[in-house]
Amino acid sequence: MFTDPQKIRANDPGHPEGCVVYAFQEIYNKDVKTLKTDCQQGKIGCVACKKNLSQLLIDGLASLREKRKEIENNKNLVDDILSDGKKRAKEVAEKTMEEVRKAIKLL
């Protein structure tokens, strides 16, 4: 992932406002203010920042991975969800069509 092009060495002062990695850090990192200060002061390098972000993403996506495994282990779950959705959509569509027929005086 592209980082701050002006931060050549790990201890160079960084410019987090122009860094894509930092933009993701703002979303996933609860301690982003400290990270920003450390970056600006050259206390953390881009590689360390990327590693930190990757761990945050791994941890943050763990629940989605678990849900995927659950779905993979229950092959009928998706079919059941689709069938239920189809049934509910059909009920709404039938009611809507009844209202349309009344509105155009077909009933």
PDB file of N, CA and C in Angstrom:
ATOM      1  N   MET A   1       0.852  -1.160   0.000  1.00  0.00           N
ATOM      2  CA  MET A   1       0.000   0.000   0.000  1.00  0.00           C
ATOM      3  C   MET A   1       0.908   1.236   0.000  1.00  0.00           C
ATOM      4  N   PHE A   2       0.567   2.210  -0.784  1.00  0.00           N
ATOM      5  CA  PHE A   2       1.346   3.439  -0.933  1.00  0.00           C
ATOM      6  C   PHE A   2       1.318   4.241   0.362  1.00  0.00           C
ATOM      7  N   THR A   3       2.478   4.729   0.787  1.00  0.00           N
ATOM      8  CA  THR A   3       2.567   5.546   1.996  1.00  0.00           C
ATOM      9  C   THR A   3       3.132   6.924   1.655  1.00  0.00           C
ATOM     10  N   ASP A   4       3.552   7.629   2.652  1.00  0.00           N
ATOM     11  CA  ASP A   4       4.075   8.988   2.519  1.00  0.00           C
ATOM     12  C   ASP A   4       5.363   8.999   1.679  1.00  0.00           C
ATOM     13  N   PRO A   5       5.352   9.584   0.489  1.00  0.00           N
ATOM     14  CA  PRO A   5       6.549   9.572  -0.363  1.00  0.00           C
ATOM     15  C   PRO A   5       7.681  10.451   0.176  1.00  0.00           C
ATOM     16  N   GLN A   6       7.388  11.344   1.106  1.00  0.00           N
ATOM     17  CA  GLN A   6       8.401  12.218   1.679  1.00  0.00           C
ATOM     18  C   GLN A   6       9.100  11.580   2.877  1.00  0.00           C
ATOM     19  N   LYS A   7       8.591  10.469   3.361  1.00  0.00           N
ATOM     20  CA  LYS A   7       9.159   9.783   4.519  1.00  0.00           C
ATOM     21  C   LYS A   7      10.022   8.636   3.995  1.00  0.00           C
ATOM     22  N   ILE A   8      11.294   8.937   3.751  1.00  0.00           N
ATOM     23  CA  ILE A   8      12.214   7.966   3.152  1.00  0.00           C
ATOM     24  C   ILE A   8      12.712   6.971   4.196  1.00  0.00           C
ATOM     25  N   ARG A   9      13.125   7.477   5.346  1.00  0.00           N
ATOM     26  CA  ARG A   9      13.623   6.610   6.424  1.00  0.00           C
ATOM     27  C   ARG A   9      12.586   6.532   7.534  1.00  0.00           C
ATOM     28  N   ALA A  10      12.666   5.485   8.322  1.00  0.00           N
ATOM     29  CA  ALA A  10      11.692   5.283   9.395  1.00  0.00           C
ATOM     30  C   ALA A  10      11.659   6.453  10.370  1.00  0.00           C
ATOM     31  N   ASN A  11      12.793   7.102  10.601  1.00  0.00           N
ATOM     32  CA  ASN A  11      12.818   8.190  11.578  1.00  0.00           C
ATOM     33  C   ASN A  11      12.634   9.585  10.956  1.00  0.00           C
ATOM     34  N   ASP A  12      12.320   9.648   9.668  1.00  0.00           N
ATOM     35  CA  ASP A  12      11.985  10.934   9.041  1.00  0.00           C
ATOM     36  C   ASP A  12      10.612  11.379   9.531  1.00  0.00           C
ATOM     37  N   PRO A  13      10.400  12.688   9.678  1.00  0.00           N
ATOM     38  CA  PRO A  13       9.055  13.166  10.026  1.00  0.00           C
ATOM     39  C   PRO A  13       8.057  12.796   8.924  1.00  0.00           C
ATOM     40  N   GLY A  14       6.900  12.336   9.340  1.00  0.00           N
ATOM     41  CA  GLY A  14       5.889  11.918   8.373  1.00  0.00           C
ATOM     42  C   GLY A  14       4.798  12.943   8.179  1.00  0.00           C
ATOM     43  N   HIS A  15       3.993  12.708   7.161  1.00  0.00           N
ATOM     44  CA  HIS A  15       2.864  13.565   6.808  1.00  0.00           C
ATOM     45  C   HIS A  15       1.626  12.676   6.694  1.00  0.00           C
ATOM     46  N   PRO A  16       1.036  12.296   7.819  1.00  0.00           N
ATOM     47  CA  PRO A  16      -0.055  11.325   7.804  1.00  0.00           C
ATOM     48  C   PRO A  16      -1.284  11.759   7.015  1.00  0.00           C
ATOM     49  N   GLU A  17      -1.504  13.057   6.896  1.00  0.00           N
ATOM     50  CA  GLU A  17      -2.700  13.516   6.184  1.00  0.00           C
ATOM     51  C   GLU A  17      -2.687  13.150   4.705  1.00  0.00           C
ATOM     52  N   GLY A  18      -1.530  12.802   4.149  1.00  0.00           N
ATOM     53  CA  GLY A  18      -1.457  12.409   2.747  1.00  0.00           C
ATOM     54  C   GLY A  18      -1.151  10.940   2.546  1.00  0.00           C
ATOM     55  N   CYS A  19      -1.319  10.143   3.592  1.00  0.00           N
ATOM     56  CA  CYS A  19      -0.947   8.729   3.556  1.00  0.00           C
ATOM     57  C   CYS A  19      -2.191   7.837   3.564  1.00  0.00           C
ATOM     58  N   VAL A  20      -2.265   6.942   2.610  1.00  0.00           N
ATOM     59  CA  VAL A  20      -3.408   6.031   2.514  1.00  0.00           C
ATOM     60  C   VAL A  20      -3.475   5.105   3.728  1.00  0.00           C
ATOM     61  N   VAL A  21      -2.319   4.631   4.186  1.00  0.00           N
ATOM     62  CA  VAL A  21      -2.285   3.743   5.358  1.00  0.00           C
ATOM     63  C   VAL A  21      -2.862   4.471   6.568  1.00  0.00           C
ATOM     64  N   TYR A  22      -2.497   5.724   6.728  1.00  0.00           N
ATOM     65  CA  TYR A  22      -3.024   6.494   7.856  1.00  0.00           C
ATOM     66  C   TYR A  22      -4.538   6.686   7.722  1.00  0.00           C
ATOM     67  N   ALA A  23      -5.034   6.859   6.521  1.00  0.00           N
ATOM     68  CA  ALA A  23      -6.489   7.002   6.323  1.00  0.00           C
ATOM     69  C   ALA A  23      -7.217   5.768   6.851  1.00  0.00           C
ATOM     70  N   PHE A  24      -6.659   4.588   6.606  1.00  0.00           N
ATOM     71  CA  PHE A  24      -7.252   3.365   7.149  1.00  0.00           C
ATOM     72  C   PHE A  24      -7.067   3.282   8.660  1.00  0.00           C
ATOM     73  N   GLN A  25      -5.934   3.768   9.146  1.00  0.00           N
ATOM     74  CA  GLN A  25      -5.693   3.787  10.589  1.00  0.00           C
ATOM     75  C   GLN A  25      -6.771   4.616  11.284  1.00  0.00           C
ATOM     76  N   GLU A  26      -7.182   5.713  10.667  1.00  0.00           N
ATOM     77  CA  GLU A  26      -8.226   6.566  11.257  1.00  0.00           C
ATOM     78  C   GLU A  26      -9.532   5.796  11.446  1.00  0.00           C
ATOM     79  N   ILE A  27      -9.773   4.820  10.608  1.00  0.00           N
ATOM     80  CA  ILE A  27     -10.998   4.019  10.697  1.00  0.00           C
ATOM     81  C   ILE A  27     -10.865   2.918  11.745  1.00  0.00           C
ATOM     82  N   TYR A  28      -9.739   2.234  11.751  1.00  0.00           N
ATOM     83  CA  TYR A  28      -9.604   1.017  12.545  1.00  0.00           C
ATOM     84  C   TYR A  28      -8.815   1.159  13.842  1.00  0.00           C
ATOM     85  N   ASN A  29      -8.041   2.217  14.005  1.00  0.00           N
ATOM     86  CA  ASN A  29      -7.169   2.345  15.167  1.00  0.00           C
ATOM     87  C   ASN A  29      -7.793   3.266  16.207  1.00  0.00           C
ATOM     88  N   LYS A  30      -8.010   2.741  17.415  1.00  0.00           N
ATOM     89  CA  LYS A  30      -8.606   3.542  18.485  1.00  0.00           C
ATOM     90  C   LYS A  30      -7.618   4.574  19.036  1.00  0.00           C
ATOM     91  N   ASP A  31      -6.338   4.342  18.840  1.00  0.00           N
ATOM     92  CA  ASP A  31      -5.308   5.244  19.354  1.00  0.00           C
ATOM     93  C   ASP A  31      -4.633   5.992  18.203  1.00  0.00           C
ATOM     94  N   VAL A  32      -5.431   6.494  17.295  1.00  0.00           N
ATOM     95  CA  VAL A  32      -4.907   7.106  16.076  1.00  0.00           C
ATOM     96  C   VAL A  32      -4.185   8.428  16.354  1.00  0.00           C
ATOM     97  N   LYS A  33      -4.572   9.127  17.406  1.00  0.00           N
ATOM     98  CA  LYS A  33      -3.919  10.407  17.718  1.00  0.00           C
ATOM     99  C   LYS A  33      -2.456  10.189  18.085  1.00  0.00           C
ATOM    100  N   THR A  34      -2.192   9.170  18.888  1.00  0.00           N
ATOM    101  CA  THR A  34      -0.811   8.846  19.254  1.00  0.00           C
ATOM    102  C   THR A  34      -0.027   8.442  18.018  1.00  0.00           C
ATOM    103  N   LEU A  35      -0.642   7.638  17.170  1.00  0.00           N
ATOM    104  CA  LEU A  35       0.009   7.206  15.939  1.00  0.00           C
ATOM    105  C   LEU A  35       0.373   8.406  15.058  1.00  0.00           C
ATOM    106  N   LYS A  36      -0.549   9.341  14.943  1.00  0.00           N
ATOM    107  CA  LYS A  36      -0.301  10.535  14.122  1.00  0.00           C
ATOM    108  C   LYS A  36       0.898  11.315  14.663  1.00  0.00           C
ATOM    109  N   THR A  37       0.922  11.509  15.962  1.00  0.00           N
ATOM    110  CA  THR A  37       2.034  12.233  16.587  1.00  0.00           C
ATOM    111  C   THR A  37       3.348  11.492  16.377  1.00  0.00           C
ATOM    112  N   ASP A  38       3.320  10.178  16.605  1.00  0.00           N
ATOM    113  CA  ASP A  38       4.532   9.367  16.417  1.00  0.00           C
ATOM    114  C   ASP A  38       5.029   9.440  14.978  1.00  0.00           C
ATOM    115  N   CYS A  39       4.112   9.424  14.035  1.00  0.00           N
ATOM    116  CA  CYS A  39       4.479   9.515  12.617  1.00  0.00           C
ATOM    117  C   CYS A  39       5.100  10.873  12.321  1.00  0.00           C
ATOM    118  N   GLN A  40       4.445  11.923  12.768  1.00  0.00           N
ATOM    119  CA  GLN A  40       4.940  13.275  12.496  1.00  0.00           C
ATOM    120  C   GLN A  40       6.310  13.520  13.128  1.00  0.00           C
ATOM    121  N   GLN A  41       6.561  12.867  14.256  1.00  0.00           N
ATOM    122  CA  GLN A  41       7.838  13.047  14.953  1.00  0.00           C
ATOM    123  C   GLN A  41       8.891  12.032  14.514  1.00  0.00           C
ATOM    124  N   GLY A  42       8.558  11.152  13.609  1.00  0.00           N
ATOM    125  CA  GLY A  42       9.507  10.167  13.117  1.00  0.00           C
ATOM    126  C   GLY A  42       9.771   9.037  14.098  1.00  0.00           C
ATOM    127  N   LYS A  43       8.833   8.795  15.004  1.00  0.00           N
ATOM    128  CA  LYS A  43       8.993   7.722  15.992  1.00  0.00           C
ATOM    129  C   LYS A  43       8.544   6.364  15.446  1.00  0.00           C
ATOM    130  N   ILE A  44       7.792   6.382  14.362  1.00  0.00           N
ATOM    131  CA  ILE A  44       7.311   5.135  13.743  1.00  0.00           C
ATOM    132  C   ILE A  44       7.512   5.242  12.235  1.00  0.00           C
ATOM    133  N   GLY A  45       7.961   4.154  11.639  1.00  0.00           N
ATOM    134  CA  GLY A  45       8.161   4.126  10.198  1.00  0.00           C
ATOM    135  C   GLY A  45       6.940   3.577   9.477  1.00  0.00           C
ATOM    136  N   CYS A  46       6.960   3.701   8.171  1.00  0.00           N
ATOM    137  CA  CYS A  46       5.824   3.258   7.358  1.00  0.00           C
ATOM    138  C   CYS A  46       5.617   1.747   7.430  1.00  0.00           C
ATOM    139  N   VAL A  47       6.705   0.989   7.482  1.00  0.00           N
ATOM    140  CA  VAL A  47       6.574  -0.473   7.551  1.00  0.00           C
ATOM    141  C   VAL A  47       5.892  -0.872   8.856  1.00  0.00           C
ATOM    142  N   ALA A  48       6.309  -0.272   9.958  1.00  0.00           N
ATOM    143  CA  ALA A  48       5.683  -0.573  11.251  1.00  0.00           C
ATOM    144  C   ALA A  48       4.214  -0.158  11.243  1.00  0.00           C
ATOM    145  N   CYS A  49       3.922   0.956  10.620  1.00  0.00           N
ATOM    146  CA  CYS A  49       2.541   1.440  10.526  1.00  0.00           C
ATOM    147  C   CYS A  49       1.688   0.463   9.715  1.00  0.00           C
ATOM    148  N   LYS A  50       2.248  -0.051   8.618  1.00  0.00           N
ATOM    149  CA  LYS A  50       1.533  -1.036   7.796  1.00  0.00           C
ATOM    150  C   LYS A  50       1.301  -2.328   8.569  1.00  0.00           C
ATOM    151  N   LYS A  51       2.304  -2.778   9.310  1.00  0.00           N
ATOM    152  CA  LYS A  51       2.148  -4.002  10.101  1.00  0.00           C
ATOM    153  C   LYS A  51       1.075  -3.823  11.157  1.00  0.00           C
ATOM    154  N   ASN A  52       1.069  -2.658  11.789  1.00  0.00           N
ATOM    155  CA  ASN A  52       0.043  -2.351  12.783  1.00  0.00           C
ATOM    156  C   ASN A  52      -1.343  -2.391  12.146  1.00  0.00           C
ATOM    157  N   LEU A  53      -1.481  -1.763  10.984  1.00  0.00           N
ATOM    158  CA  LEU A  53      -2.766  -1.746  10.281  1.00  0.00           C
ATOM    159  C   LEU A  53      -3.188  -3.144   9.877  1.00  0.00           C
ATOM    160  N   SER A  54      -2.255  -3.943   9.375  1.00  0.00           N
ATOM    161  CA  SER A  54      -2.623  -5.296   8.941  1.00  0.00           C
ATOM    162  C   SER A  54      -3.145  -6.120  10.117  1.00  0.00           C
ATOM    163  N   GLN A  55      -2.540  -5.953  11.292  1.00  0.00           N
ATOM    164  CA  GLN A  55      -3.028  -6.691  12.459  1.00  0.00           C
ATOM    165  C   GLN A  55      -4.413  -6.200  12.874  1.00  0.00           C
ATOM    166  N   LEU A  56      -4.633  -4.893  12.797  1.00  0.00           N
ATOM    167  CA  LEU A  56      -5.961  -4.345  13.107  1.00  0.00           C
ATOM    168  C   LEU A  56      -7.011  -4.904  12.150  1.00  0.00           C
ATOM    169  N   LEU A  57      -6.663  -5.012  10.869  1.00  0.00           N
ATOM    170  CA  LEU A  57      -7.600  -5.561   9.884  1.00  0.00           C
ATOM    171  C   LEU A  57      -7.858  -7.042  10.129  1.00  0.00           C
ATOM    172  N   ILE A  58      -6.815  -7.786  10.439  1.00  0.00           N
ATOM    173  CA  ILE A  58      -6.970  -9.215  10.724  1.00  0.00           C
ATOM    174  C   ILE A  58      -7.907  -9.404  11.914  1.00  0.00           C
ATOM    175  N   ASP A  59      -7.662  -8.638  12.972  1.00  0.00           N
ATOM    176  CA  ASP A  59      -8.508  -8.743  14.164  1.00  0.00           C
ATOM    177  C   ASP A  59      -9.938  -8.283  13.876  1.00  0.00           C
ATOM    178  N   GLY A  60     -10.061  -7.186  13.120  1.00  0.00           N
ATOM    179  CA  GLY A  60     -11.379  -6.634  12.824  1.00  0.00           C
ATOM    180  C   GLY A  60     -12.236  -7.513  11.925  1.00  0.00           C
ATOM    181  N   LEU A  61     -11.584  -8.310  11.093  1.00  0.00           N
ATOM    182  CA  LEU A  61     -12.328  -9.166  10.163  1.00  0.00           C
ATOM    183  C   LEU A  61     -12.538 -10.582  10.697  1.00  0.00           C
ATOM    184  N   ALA A  62     -12.073 -10.849  11.904  1.00  0.00           N
ATOM    185  CA  ALA A  62     -12.186 -12.195  12.477  1.00  0.00           C
ATOM    186  C   ALA A  62     -13.639 -12.648  12.574  1.00  0.00           C
ATOM    187  N   SER A  63     -14.530 -11.751  12.977  1.00  0.00           N
ATOM    188  CA  SER A  63     -15.940 -12.145  13.113  1.00  0.00           C
ATOM    189  C   SER A  63     -16.550 -12.490  11.752  1.00  0.00           C
ATOM    190  N   LEU A  64     -16.126 -11.797  10.701  1.00  0.00           N
ATOM    191  CA  LEU A  64     -16.626 -12.116   9.363  1.00  0.00           C
ATOM    192  C   LEU A  64     -16.121 -13.485   8.897  1.00  0.00           C
ATOM    193  N   ARG A  65     -14.869 -13.797   9.238  1.00  0.00           N
ATOM    194  CA  ARG A  65     -14.331 -15.110   8.877  1.00  0.00           C
ATOM    195  C   ARG A  65     -15.087 -16.226   9.598  1.00  0.00           C
ATOM    196  N   GLU A  66     -15.409 -15.989  10.873  1.00  0.00           N
ATOM    197  CA  GLU A  66     -16.175 -16.977  11.638  1.00  0.00           C
ATOM    198  C   GLU A  66     -17.550 -17.188  11.028  1.00  0.00           C
ATOM    199  N   LYS A  67     -18.212 -16.098  10.655  1.00  0.00           N
ATOM    200  CA  LYS A  67     -19.535 -16.192  10.042  1.00  0.00           C
ATOM    201  C   LYS A  67     -19.459 -16.952   8.721  1.00  0.00           C
ATOM    202  N   ARG A  68     -18.414 -16.707   7.949  1.00  0.00           N
ATOM    203  CA  ARG A  68     -18.247 -17.420   6.681  1.00  0.00           C
ATOM    204  C   ARG A  68     -18.087 -18.919   6.916  1.00  0.00           C
ATOM    205  N   LYS A  69     -17.291 -19.284   7.914  1.00  0.00           N
ATOM    206  CA  LYS A  69     -17.123 -20.707   8.239  1.00  0.00           C
ATOM    207  C   LYS A  69     -18.448 -21.326   8.651  1.00  0.00           C
ATOM    208  N   GLU A  70     -19.222 -20.580   9.430  1.00  0.00           N
ATOM    209  CA  GLU A  70     -20.537 -21.063   9.858  1.00  0.00           C
ATOM    210  C   GLU A  70     -21.436 -21.330   8.647  1.00  0.00           C
ATOM    211  N   ILE A  71     -21.413 -20.416   7.701  1.00  0.00           N
ATOM    212  CA  ILE A  71     -22.224 -20.577   6.489  1.00  0.00           C
ATOM    213  C   ILE A  71     -21.721 -21.754   5.664  1.00  0.00           C
ATOM    214  N   GLU A  72     -20.402 -21.874   5.542  1.00  0.00           N
ATOM    215  CA  GLU A  72     -19.830 -22.989   4.780  1.00  0.00           C
ATOM    216  C   GLU A  72     -20.190 -24.335   5.405  1.00  0.00           C
ATOM    217  N   ASN A  73     -20.287 -24.375   6.719  1.00  0.00           N
ATOM    218  CA  ASN A  73     -20.603 -25.624   7.417  1.00  0.00           C
ATOM    219  C   ASN A  73     -22.093 -25.933   7.420  1.00  0.00           C
ATOM    220  N   ASN A  74     -22.927 -24.972   7.058  1.00  0.00           N
ATOM    221  CA  ASN A  74     -24.368 -25.179   7.027  1.00  0.00           C
ATOM    222  C   ASN A  74     -24.863 -24.831   5.620  1.00  0.00           C
ATOM    223  N   LYS A  75     -24.745 -25.793   4.732  1.00  0.00           N
ATOM    224  CA  LYS A  75     -25.064 -25.553   3.310  1.00  0.00           C
ATOM    225  C   LYS A  75     -26.512 -25.127   3.089  1.00  0.00           C
ATOM    226  N   ASN A  76     -27.426 -25.539   3.946  1.00  0.00           N
ATOM    227  CA  ASN A  76     -28.841 -25.201   3.768  1.00  0.00           C
ATOM    228  C   ASN A  76     -29.171 -23.789   4.239  1.00  0.00           C
ATOM    229  N   LEU A  77     -28.299 -23.171   4.997  1.00  0.00           N
ATOM    230  CA  LEU A  77     -28.580 -21.848   5.554  1.00  0.00           C
ATOM    231  C   LEU A  77     -28.860 -20.816   4.466  1.00  0.00           C
ATOM    232  N   VAL A  78     -28.026 -20.763   3.451  1.00  0.00           N
ATOM    233  CA  VAL A  78     -28.212 -19.784   2.375  1.00  0.00           C
ATOM    234  C   VAL A  78     -29.514 -20.055   1.629  1.00  0.00           C
ATOM    235  N   ASP A  79     -29.786 -21.315   1.335  1.00  0.00           N
ATOM    236  CA  ASP A  79     -31.039 -21.659   0.656  1.00  0.00           C
ATOM    237  C   ASP A  79     -32.250 -21.265   1.502  1.00  0.00           C
ATOM    238  N   ASP A  80     -32.163 -21.498   2.813  1.00  0.00           N
ATOM    239  CA  ASP A  80     -33.264 -21.131   3.711  1.00  0.00           C
ATOM    240  C   ASP A  80     -33.475 -19.619   3.744  1.00  0.00           C
ATOM    241  N   ILE A  81     -32.380 -18.865   3.794  1.00  0.00           N
ATOM    242  CA  ILE A  81     -32.470 -17.395   3.806  1.00  0.00           C
ATOM    243  C   ILE A  81     -33.085 -16.897   2.503  1.00  0.00           C
ATOM    244  N   LEU A  82     -32.629 -17.441   1.377  1.00  0.00           N
ATOM    245  CA  LEU A  82     -33.176 -17.032   0.076  1.00  0.00           C
ATOM    246  C   LEU A  82     -34.652 -17.393  -0.052  1.00  0.00           C
ATOM    247  N   SER A  83     -35.012 -18.562   0.412  1.00  0.00           N
ATOM    248  CA  SER A  83     -36.408 -18.999   0.340  1.00  0.00           C
ATOM    249  C   SER A  83     -37.306 -18.104   1.187  1.00  0.00           C
ATOM    250  N   ASP A  84     -36.857 -17.780   2.377  1.00  0.00           N
ATOM    251  CA  ASP A  84     -37.624 -16.891   3.248  1.00  0.00           C
ATOM    252  C   ASP A  84     -37.750 -15.504   2.627  1.00  0.00           C
ATOM    253  N   GLY A  85     -36.664 -14.990   2.061  1.00  0.00           N
ATOM    254  CA  GLY A  85     -36.702 -13.687   1.409  1.00  0.00           C
ATOM    255  C   GLY A  85     -37.644 -13.664   0.224  1.00  0.00           C
ATOM    256  N   LYS A  86     -37.641 -14.755  -0.545  1.00  0.00           N
ATOM    257  CA  LYS A  86     -38.536 -14.869  -1.703  1.00  0.00           C
ATOM    258  C   LYS A  86     -39.986 -14.835  -1.251  1.00  0.00           C
ATOM    259  N   LYS A  87     -40.277 -15.548  -0.179  1.00  0.00           N
ATOM    260  CA  LYS A  87     -41.649 -15.612   0.340  1.00  0.00           C
ATOM    261  C   LYS A  87     -42.119 -14.230   0.801  1.00  0.00           C
ATOM    262  N   ARG A  88     -41.262 -13.532   1.549  1.00  0.00           N
ATOM    263  CA  ARG A  88     -41.638 -12.206   2.047  1.00  0.00           C
ATOM    264  C   ARG A  88     -41.760 -11.196   0.913  1.00  0.00           C
ATOM    265  N   ALA A  89     -40.873 -11.274  -0.078  1.00  0.00           N
ATOM    266  CA  ALA A  89     -40.934 -10.364  -1.226  1.00  0.00           C
ATOM    267  C   ALA A  89     -42.206 -10.602  -2.034  1.00  0.00           C
ATOM    268  N   LYS A  90     -42.584 -11.858  -2.166  1.00  0.00           N
ATOM    269  CA  LYS A  90     -43.799 -12.195  -2.922  1.00  0.00           C
ATOM    270  C   LYS A  90     -45.023 -11.607  -2.241  1.00  0.00           C
ATOM    271  N   GLU A  91     -45.075 -11.682  -0.913  1.00  0.00           N
ATOM    272  CA  GLU A  91     -46.210 -11.121  -0.173  1.00  0.00           C
ATOM    273  C   GLU A  91     -46.315  -9.609  -0.386  1.00  0.00           C
ATOM    274  N   VAL A  92     -45.189  -8.915  -0.329  1.00  0.00           N
ATOM    275  CA  VAL A  92     -45.180  -7.466  -0.537  1.00  0.00           C
ATOM    276  C   VAL A  92     -45.579  -7.137  -1.972  1.00  0.00           C
ATOM    277  N   ALA A  93     -45.057  -7.891  -2.925  1.00  0.00           N
ATOM    278  CA  ALA A  93     -45.368  -7.641  -4.335  1.00  0.00           C
ATOM    279  C   ALA A  93     -46.853  -7.866  -4.621  1.00  0.00           C
ATOM    280  N   GLU A  94     -47.419  -8.911  -4.038  1.00  0.00           N
ATOM    281  CA  GLU A  94     -48.847  -9.178  -4.250  1.00  0.00           C
ATOM    282  C   GLU A  94     -49.702  -8.051  -3.685  1.00  0.00           C
ATOM    283  N   LYS A  95     -49.356  -7.546  -2.510  1.00  0.00           N
ATOM    284  CA  LYS A  95     -50.094  -6.434  -1.917  1.00  0.00           C
ATOM    285  C   LYS A  95     -49.964  -5.191  -2.785  1.00  0.00           C
ATOM    286  N   THR A  96     -48.763  -4.916  -3.262  1.00  0.00           N
ATOM    287  CA  THR A  96     -48.531  -3.754  -4.119  1.00  0.00           C
ATOM    288  C   THR A  96     -49.346  -3.862  -5.404  1.00  0.00           C
ATOM    289  N   MET A  97     -49.350  -5.038  -6.017  1.00  0.00           N
ATOM    290  CA  MET A  97     -50.105  -5.217  -7.260  1.00  0.00           C
ATOM    291  C   MET A  97     -51.611  -5.071  -7.018  1.00  0.00           C
ATOM    292  N   GLU A  98     -52.088  -5.491  -5.861  1.00  0.00           N
ATOM    293  CA  GLU A  98     -53.502  -5.309  -5.543  1.00  0.00           C
ATOM    294  C   GLU A  98     -53.834  -3.817  -5.460  1.00  0.00           C
ATOM    295  N   GLU A  99     -52.940  -3.040  -4.849  1.00  0.00           N
ATOM    296  CA  GLU A  99     -53.143  -1.592  -4.754  1.00  0.00           C
ATOM    297  C   GLU A  99     -53.096  -0.952  -6.138  1.00  0.00           C
ATOM    298  N   VAL A 100     -52.210  -1.434  -7.006  1.00  0.00           N
ATOM    299  CA  VAL A 100     -52.109  -0.890  -8.360  1.00  0.00           C
ATOM    300  C   VAL A 100     -53.389  -1.198  -9.125  1.00  0.00           C
ATOM    301  N   ARG A 101     -53.868  -2.414  -9.011  1.00  0.00           N
ATOM    302  CA  ARG A 101     -55.112  -2.796  -9.742  1.00  0.00           C
ATOM    303  C   ARG A 101     -56.296  -1.951  -9.275  1.00  0.00           C
ATOM    304  N   LYS A 102     -56.369  -1.690  -7.979  1.00  0.00           N
ATOM    305  CA  LYS A 102     -57.445  -0.829  -7.459  1.00  0.00           C
ATOM    306  C   LYS A 102     -57.285   0.591  -7.995  1.00  0.00           C
ATOM    307  N   ALA A 103     -56.054   1.088  -8.025  1.00  0.00           N
ATOM    308  CA  ALA A 103     -55.804   2.457  -8.472  1.00  0.00           C
ATOM    309  C   ALA A 103     -56.177   2.659  -9.934  1.00  0.00           C
ATOM    310  N   ILE A 104     -55.956   1.639 -10.774  1.00  0.00           N
ATOM    311  CA  ILE A 104     -56.292   1.788 -12.192  1.00  0.00           C
ATOM    312  C   ILE A 104     -57.643   1.147 -12.525  1.00  0.00           C
ATOM    313  N   LYS A 105     -58.376   0.824 -11.459  1.00  0.00           N
ATOM    314  CA  LYS A 105     -59.750   0.328 -11.545  1.00  0.00           C
ATOM    315  C   LYS A 105     -59.879  -0.981 -12.322  1.00  0.00           C
ATOM    316  N   LEU A 106     -58.953  -1.893 -12.073  1.00  0.00           N
ATOM    317  CA  LEU A 106     -59.055  -3.235 -12.636  1.00  0.00           C
ATOM    318  C   LEU A 106     -59.734  -4.171 -11.660  1.00  0.00           C
ATOM    319  N   LEU A 107     -59.975  -3.728 -10.449  1.00  0.00           N
ATOM    320  CA  LEU A 107     -60.675  -4.555  -9.433  1.00  0.00           C
ATOM    321  C   LEU A 107     -61.994  -3.969  -9.078  1.00  0.00           C
TER     322      LEU A 107
END
